[in-house]
């Protein structure tokens, strides 16, 4: 338990602080909500860049300056939805690239081959339709989280928030499954 003298010294030191000044200090500060990278471990595939995801999350955190665990969660939802939407775009491109490469060269120039591939995939496979459905769903997720965040940030403040550790979505997965609950993974 800190003494009264330590508390007063901490308050005096805190009053002199004006936050980070350098660009690197501001970047570090913006990543304070990225404490342990659990969210990136949950969302980012092994073939994707965890650093890029954390940069995306940090940019949203810096832009929207969450003031509560609920706002932090909404920002995490936005980052996850955007990350997954980007992944879908990469999958669409990869799918089309693979199919274009399979086309015989006599089919024509690349735009013609791409059109043939697009038509064939549209006619014989639902992969493009499924990817579009996912892309649309992730866009809706992002937009809903953004609107909810804007509503939360526009509400009148109720005083200082309790001193609780910030919650993250990934934190719910850093425990062992409960053997009493069937089918929990």
C-alpha atoms as a PDB file:
ATOM      1  CA  UNK A   1       0.000   0.000   0.000  1.00  0.00           C
ATOM      2  CA  UNK A   2       1.564   3.344  -0.987  1.00  0.00           C
ATOM      3  CA  UNK A   3       2.134   5.916   1.683  1.00  0.00           C
ATOM      4  CA  UNK A   4       0.522   9.340   1.595  1.00  0.00           C
ATOM      5  CA  UNK A   5       3.900  10.846   0.677  1.00  0.00           C
ATOM      6  CA  UNK A   6       4.244   8.472  -2.317  1.00  0.00           C
ATOM      7  CA  UNK A   7       0.727   9.271  -3.459  1.00  0.00           C
ATOM      8  CA  UNK A   8       1.423  13.008  -3.318  1.00  0.00           C
ATOM      9  CA  UNK A   9       4.720  12.561  -5.212  1.00  0.00           C
ATOM     10  CA  UNK A  10       2.944  10.533  -7.903  1.00  0.00           C
ATOM     11  CA  UNK A  11       0.283  13.209  -8.282  1.00  0.00           C
ATOM     12  CA  UNK A  12       2.917  15.941  -8.546  1.00  0.00           C
ATOM     13  CA  UNK A  13       4.838  14.002 -11.201  1.00  0.00           C
ATOM     14  CA  UNK A  14       1.647  13.248 -13.118  1.00  0.00           C
ATOM     15  CA  UNK A  15       0.655  16.915 -13.125  1.00  0.00           C
ATOM     16  CA  UNK A  16       3.953  17.821 -14.823  1.00  0.00           C
ATOM     17  CA  UNK A  17       3.451  15.296 -17.626  1.00  0.00           C
ATOM     18  CA  UNK A  18       2.078  16.524 -20.924  1.00  0.00           C
ATOM     19  CA  UNK A  19       2.099  13.141 -22.602  1.00  0.00           C
ATOM     20  CA  UNK A  20       4.388  11.929 -25.342  1.00  0.00           C
ATOM     21  CA  UNK A  21       6.113  14.581 -27.418  1.00  0.00           C
ATOM     22  CA  UNK A  22       8.090  12.701 -30.069  1.00  0.00           C
ATOM     23  CA  UNK A  23       6.502  10.849 -32.977  1.00  0.00           C
ATOM     24  CA  UNK A  24       7.865   7.553 -31.616  1.00  0.00           C
ATOM     25  CA  UNK A  25       6.485   8.321 -28.152  1.00  0.00           C
ATOM     26  CA  UNK A  26       3.069   9.065 -29.606  1.00  0.00           C
ATOM     27  CA  UNK A  27       3.165   5.839 -31.614  1.00  0.00           C
ATOM     28  CA  UNK A  28       4.122   3.865 -28.503  1.00  0.00           C
ATOM     29  CA  UNK A  29       1.364   5.552 -26.533  1.00  0.00           C
ATOM     30  CA  UNK A  30      -1.203   4.778 -29.221  1.00  0.00           C
ATOM     31  CA  UNK A  31      -0.325   1.108 -28.844  1.00  0.00           C
ATOM     32  CA  UNK A  32      -1.014   1.032 -25.116  1.00  0.00           C
ATOM     33  CA  UNK A  33      -4.244  -0.837 -25.740  1.00  0.00           C
ATOM     34  CA  UNK A  34      -2.270  -3.473 -27.640  1.00  0.00           C
ATOM     35  CA  UNK A  35      -0.883  -4.933 -24.472  1.00  0.00           C
ATOM     36  CA  UNK A  36      -0.136  -8.497 -25.347  1.00  0.00           C
ATOM     37  CA  UNK A  37      -1.135  -9.177 -28.942  1.00  0.00           C
ATOM     38  CA  UNK A  38      -3.727 -11.814 -28.038  1.00  0.00           C
ATOM     39  CA  UNK A  39      -6.220 -10.291 -30.428  1.00  0.00           C
ATOM     40  CA  UNK A  40      -3.701 -10.516 -33.284  1.00  0.00           C
ATOM     41  CA  UNK A  41      -2.960 -14.141 -32.370  1.00  0.00           C
ATOM     42  CA  UNK A  42      -6.661 -14.911 -32.604  1.00  0.00           C
ATOM     43  CA  UNK A  43      -7.493 -13.043 -35.818  1.00  0.00           C
ATOM     44  CA  UNK A  44      -4.330 -13.070 -37.926  1.00  0.00           C
ATOM     45  CA  UNK A  45      -3.523 -16.203 -39.923  1.00  0.00           C
ATOM     46  CA  UNK A  46       0.019 -17.593 -39.867  1.00  0.00           C
ATOM     47  CA  UNK A  47       0.579 -16.373 -43.425  1.00  0.00           C
ATOM     48  CA  UNK A  48      -0.503 -12.807 -42.505  1.00  0.00           C
ATOM     49  CA  UNK A  49       1.376 -10.018 -40.745  1.00  0.00           C
ATOM     50  CA  UNK A  50       0.563  -9.604 -37.046  1.00  0.00           C
ATOM     51  CA  UNK A  51       2.431  -6.295 -37.127  1.00  0.00           C
ATOM     52  CA  UNK A  52       0.151  -4.950 -39.853  1.00  0.00           C
ATOM     53  CA  UNK A  53      -2.932  -5.990 -37.902  1.00  0.00           C
ATOM     54  CA  UNK A  54      -1.563  -4.318 -34.767  1.00  0.00           C
ATOM     55  CA  UNK A  55      -0.822  -1.181 -36.823  1.00  0.00           C
ATOM     56  CA  UNK A  56      -4.422  -1.184 -38.058  1.00  0.00           C
ATOM     57  CA  UNK A  57      -5.717  -1.600 -34.504  1.00  0.00           C
ATOM     58  CA  UNK A  58      -3.334   1.098 -33.227  1.00  0.00           C
ATOM     59  CA  UNK A  59      -4.442   3.523 -35.958  1.00  0.00           C
ATOM     60  CA  UNK A  60      -8.106   3.066 -35.013  1.00  0.00           C
ATOM     61  CA  UNK A  61      -7.233   3.376 -31.331  1.00  0.00           C
ATOM     62  CA  UNK A  62      -5.285   6.568 -31.969  1.00  0.00           C
ATOM     63  CA  UNK A  63      -8.060   8.017 -34.133  1.00  0.00           C
ATOM     64  CA  UNK A  64     -10.970   7.235 -31.805  1.00  0.00           C
ATOM     65  CA  UNK A  65      -9.233   7.474 -28.381  1.00  0.00           C
ATOM     66  CA  UNK A  66     -11.375   4.932 -26.491  1.00  0.00           C
ATOM     67  CA  UNK A  67     -12.402   6.053 -23.030  1.00  0.00           C
ATOM     68  CA  UNK A  68     -13.978   2.841 -21.774  1.00  0.00           C
ATOM     69  CA  UNK A  69     -13.727  -0.924 -22.189  1.00  0.00           C
ATOM     70  CA  UNK A  70     -16.882  -0.843 -24.335  1.00  0.00           C
ATOM     71  CA  UNK A  71     -15.304   1.659 -26.726  1.00  0.00           C
ATOM     72  CA  UNK A  72     -12.118  -0.442 -26.842  1.00  0.00           C
ATOM     73  CA  UNK A  73     -14.188  -3.509 -27.745  1.00  0.00           C
ATOM     74  CA  UNK A  74     -15.945  -1.651 -30.554  1.00  0.00           C
ATOM     75  CA  UNK A  75     -12.593  -0.494 -31.937  1.00  0.00           C
ATOM     76  CA  UNK A  76     -11.348  -4.081 -31.802  1.00  0.00           C
ATOM     77  CA  UNK A  77     -14.494  -5.182 -33.668  1.00  0.00           C
ATOM     78  CA  UNK A  78     -13.812  -2.563 -36.333  1.00  0.00           C
ATOM     79  CA  UNK A  79     -10.211  -3.724 -36.742  1.00  0.00           C
ATOM     80  CA  UNK A  80     -11.257  -7.374 -36.949  1.00  0.00           C
ATOM     81  CA  UNK A  81     -13.964  -6.673 -39.517  1.00  0.00           C
ATOM     82  CA  UNK A  82     -11.629  -4.562 -41.652  1.00  0.00           C
ATOM     83  CA  UNK A  83      -8.860  -7.178 -41.424  1.00  0.00           C
ATOM     84  CA  UNK A  84     -11.222  -9.929 -42.527  1.00  0.00           C
ATOM     85  CA  UNK A  85     -12.560  -7.755 -45.331  1.00  0.00           C
ATOM     86  CA  UNK A  86      -9.006  -7.224 -46.600  1.00  0.00           C
ATOM     87  CA  UNK A  87      -8.443 -10.990 -46.372  1.00  0.00           C
ATOM     88  CA  UNK A  88     -11.518 -11.604 -48.541  1.00  0.00           C
ATOM     89  CA  UNK A  89     -10.148  -9.205 -51.163  1.00  0.00           C
ATOM     90  CA  UNK A  90      -6.873 -11.152 -51.179  1.00  0.00           C
ATOM     91  CA  UNK A  91      -8.773 -14.423 -51.519  1.00  0.00           C
ATOM     92  CA  UNK A  92     -10.797 -13.068 -54.450  1.00  0.00           C
ATOM     93  CA  UNK A  93      -7.633 -11.984 -56.209  1.00  0.00           C
ATOM     94  CA  UNK A  94      -5.881 -15.291 -55.522  1.00  0.00           C
ATOM     95  CA  UNK A  95      -8.878 -17.259 -56.773  1.00  0.00           C
ATOM     96  CA  UNK A  96      -8.998 -15.278 -59.998  1.00  0.00           C
ATOM     97  CA  UNK A  97      -5.190 -15.414 -60.459  1.00  0.00           C
ATOM     98  CA  UNK A  98      -5.163 -19.201 -60.077  1.00  0.00           C
ATOM     99  CA  UNK A  99      -7.979 -19.659 -62.548  1.00  0.00           C
ATOM    100  CA  UNK A 100      -6.473 -17.200 -65.055  1.00  0.00           C
ATOM    101  CA  UNK A 101      -3.182 -19.115 -64.901  1.00  0.00           C
ATOM    102  CA  UNK A 102      -5.093 -22.330 -65.714  1.00  0.00           C
ATOM    103  CA  UNK A 103      -6.530 -20.825 -68.907  1.00  0.00           C
ATOM    104  CA  UNK A 104      -4.838 -21.814 -72.152  1.00  0.00           C
ATOM    105  CA  UNK A 105      -2.809 -18.997 -73.668  1.00  0.00           C
ATOM    106  CA  UNK A 106      -4.874 -19.071 -76.876  1.00  0.00           C
ATOM    107  CA  UNK A 107      -7.893 -17.739 -74.949  1.00  0.00           C
ATOM    108  CA  UNK A 108      -6.600 -14.233 -75.581  1.00  0.00           C
ATOM    109  CA  UNK A 109      -5.029 -11.408 -73.674  1.00  0.00           C
ATOM    110  CA  UNK A 110      -5.180 -11.273 -69.868  1.00  0.00           C
ATOM    111  CA  UNK A 111      -8.379  -9.157 -69.664  1.00  0.00           C
ATOM    112  CA  UNK A 112     -10.149 -11.605 -71.978  1.00  0.00           C
ATOM    113  CA  UNK A 113      -8.872 -14.591 -69.992  1.00  0.00           C
ATOM    114  CA  UNK A 114      -9.979 -12.880 -66.775  1.00  0.00           C
ATOM    115  CA  UNK A 115     -13.465 -12.335 -68.192  1.00  0.00           C
ATOM    116  CA  UNK A 116     -13.696 -15.997 -69.218  1.00  0.00           C
ATOM    117  CA  UNK A 117     -12.534 -17.075 -65.757  1.00  0.00           C
ATOM    118  CA  UNK A 118     -14.998 -14.738 -64.053  1.00  0.00           C
ATOM    119  CA  UNK A 119     -17.862 -16.083 -66.154  1.00  0.00           C
ATOM    120  CA  UNK A 120     -16.829 -19.690 -65.536  1.00  0.00           C
ATOM    121  CA  UNK A 121     -16.512 -19.167 -61.788  1.00  0.00           C
ATOM    122  CA  UNK A 122     -19.844 -17.365 -61.687  1.00  0.00           C
ATOM    123  CA  UNK A 123     -21.564 -20.093 -63.678  1.00  0.00           C
ATOM    124  CA  UNK A 124     -20.007 -23.205 -62.151  1.00  0.00           C
ATOM    125  CA  UNK A 125     -18.854 -22.278 -58.657  1.00  0.00           C
ATOM    126  CA  UNK A 126     -20.313 -20.323 -55.794  1.00  0.00           C
ATOM    127  CA  UNK A 127     -16.871 -19.261 -54.518  1.00  0.00           C
ATOM    128  CA  UNK A 128     -17.158 -15.679 -55.804  1.00  0.00           C
ATOM    129  CA  UNK A 129     -20.670 -15.402 -54.400  1.00  0.00           C
ATOM    130  CA  UNK A 130     -19.550 -16.696 -50.994  1.00  0.00           C
ATOM    131  CA  UNK A 131     -16.593 -14.298 -50.888  1.00  0.00           C
ATOM    132  CA  UNK A 132     -18.866 -11.385 -51.811  1.00  0.00           C
ATOM    133  CA  UNK A 133     -21.278 -12.402 -49.054  1.00  0.00           C
ATOM    134  CA  UNK A 134     -18.423 -12.427 -46.528  1.00  0.00           C
ATOM    135  CA  UNK A 135     -17.113  -9.091 -47.788  1.00  0.00           C
ATOM    136  CA  UNK A 136     -20.562  -7.555 -47.357  1.00  0.00           C
ATOM    137  CA  UNK A 137     -20.979  -9.065 -43.888  1.00  0.00           C
ATOM    138  CA  UNK A 138     -17.627  -7.705 -42.728  1.00  0.00           C
ATOM    139  CA  UNK A 139     -18.469  -4.263 -44.114  1.00  0.00           C
ATOM    140  CA  UNK A 140     -21.740  -4.326 -42.147  1.00  0.00           C
ATOM    141  CA  UNK A 141     -19.880  -5.437 -39.011  1.00  0.00           C
ATOM    142  CA  UNK A 142     -17.431  -2.563 -39.377  1.00  0.00           C
ATOM    143  CA  UNK A 143     -20.176  -0.009 -39.992  1.00  0.00           C
ATOM    144  CA  UNK A 144     -22.297  -1.203 -37.047  1.00  0.00           C
ATOM    145  CA  UNK A 145     -19.306  -1.064 -34.695  1.00  0.00           C
ATOM    146  CA  UNK A 146     -18.387   2.406 -35.983  1.00  0.00           C
ATOM    147  CA  UNK A 147     -21.922   3.734 -35.474  1.00  0.00           C
ATOM    148  CA  UNK A 148     -22.121   2.209 -31.984  1.00  0.00           C
ATOM    149  CA  UNK A 149     -18.734   3.737 -31.116  1.00  0.00           C
ATOM    150  CA  UNK A 150     -19.830   7.155 -32.357  1.00  0.00           C
ATOM    151  CA  UNK A 151     -22.994   6.931 -30.217  1.00  0.00           C
ATOM    152  CA  UNK A 152     -20.976   5.946 -27.155  1.00  0.00           C
ATOM    153  CA  UNK A 153     -18.500   8.750 -27.668  1.00  0.00           C
ATOM    154  CA  UNK A 154     -21.289  11.315 -28.144  1.00  0.00           C
ATOM    155  CA  UNK A 155     -23.067  10.421 -24.897  1.00  0.00           C
ATOM    156  CA  UNK A 156     -22.554  12.592 -21.824  1.00  0.00           C
ATOM    157  CA  UNK A 157     -19.750  11.384 -19.588  1.00  0.00           C
ATOM    158  CA  UNK A 158     -20.789   9.996 -16.206  1.00  0.00           C
ATOM    159  CA  UNK A 159     -17.609  10.708 -14.303  1.00  0.00           C
ATOM    160  CA  UNK A 160     -14.369   8.790 -14.057  1.00  0.00           C
ATOM    161  CA  UNK A 161     -14.470   5.170 -15.088  1.00  0.00           C
ATOM    162  CA  UNK A 162     -13.542   2.571 -12.505  1.00  0.00           C
ATOM    163  CA  UNK A 163      -9.891   1.551 -12.527  1.00  0.00           C
ATOM    164  CA  UNK A 164     -10.369  -1.793 -14.275  1.00  0.00           C
ATOM    165  CA  UNK A 165      -7.969  -3.516 -16.639  1.00  0.00           C
ATOM    166  CA  UNK A 166      -9.030  -3.014 -20.273  1.00  0.00           C
ATOM    167  CA  UNK A 167     -10.881  -5.989 -21.698  1.00  0.00           C
ATOM    168  CA  UNK A 168     -10.122  -7.510 -25.048  1.00  0.00           C
ATOM    169  CA  UNK A 169     -12.031 -10.008 -27.070  1.00  0.00           C
ATOM    170  CA  UNK A 170      -9.001 -12.275 -27.226  1.00  0.00           C
ATOM    171  CA  UNK A 171      -8.749 -12.342 -23.427  1.00  0.00           C
ATOM    172  CA  UNK A 172     -11.761 -14.650 -23.337  1.00  0.00           C
ATOM    173  CA  UNK A 173      -9.697 -17.346 -25.048  1.00  0.00           C
ATOM    174  CA  UNK A 174      -6.666 -17.327 -22.755  1.00  0.00           C
ATOM    175  CA  UNK A 175      -8.096 -19.872 -20.338  1.00  0.00           C
ATOM    176  CA  UNK A 176      -8.481 -23.615 -20.271  1.00  0.00           C
ATOM    177  CA  UNK A 177     -11.846 -25.084 -21.345  1.00  0.00           C
ATOM    178  CA  UNK A 178     -14.204 -25.871 -18.495  1.00  0.00           C
ATOM    179  CA  UNK A 179     -14.602 -29.672 -18.269  1.00  0.00           C
ATOM    180  CA  UNK A 180     -18.100 -29.170 -16.805  1.00  0.00           C
ATOM    181  CA  UNK A 181     -19.360 -27.474 -19.980  1.00  0.00           C
ATOM    182  CA  UNK A 182     -19.885 -29.921 -22.860  1.00  0.00           C
ATOM    183  CA  UNK A 183     -18.564 -29.058 -26.341  1.00  0.00           C
ATOM    184  CA  UNK A 184     -16.515 -26.070 -25.184  1.00  0.00           C
ATOM    185  CA  UNK A 185     -13.324 -25.689 -27.178  1.00  0.00           C
END
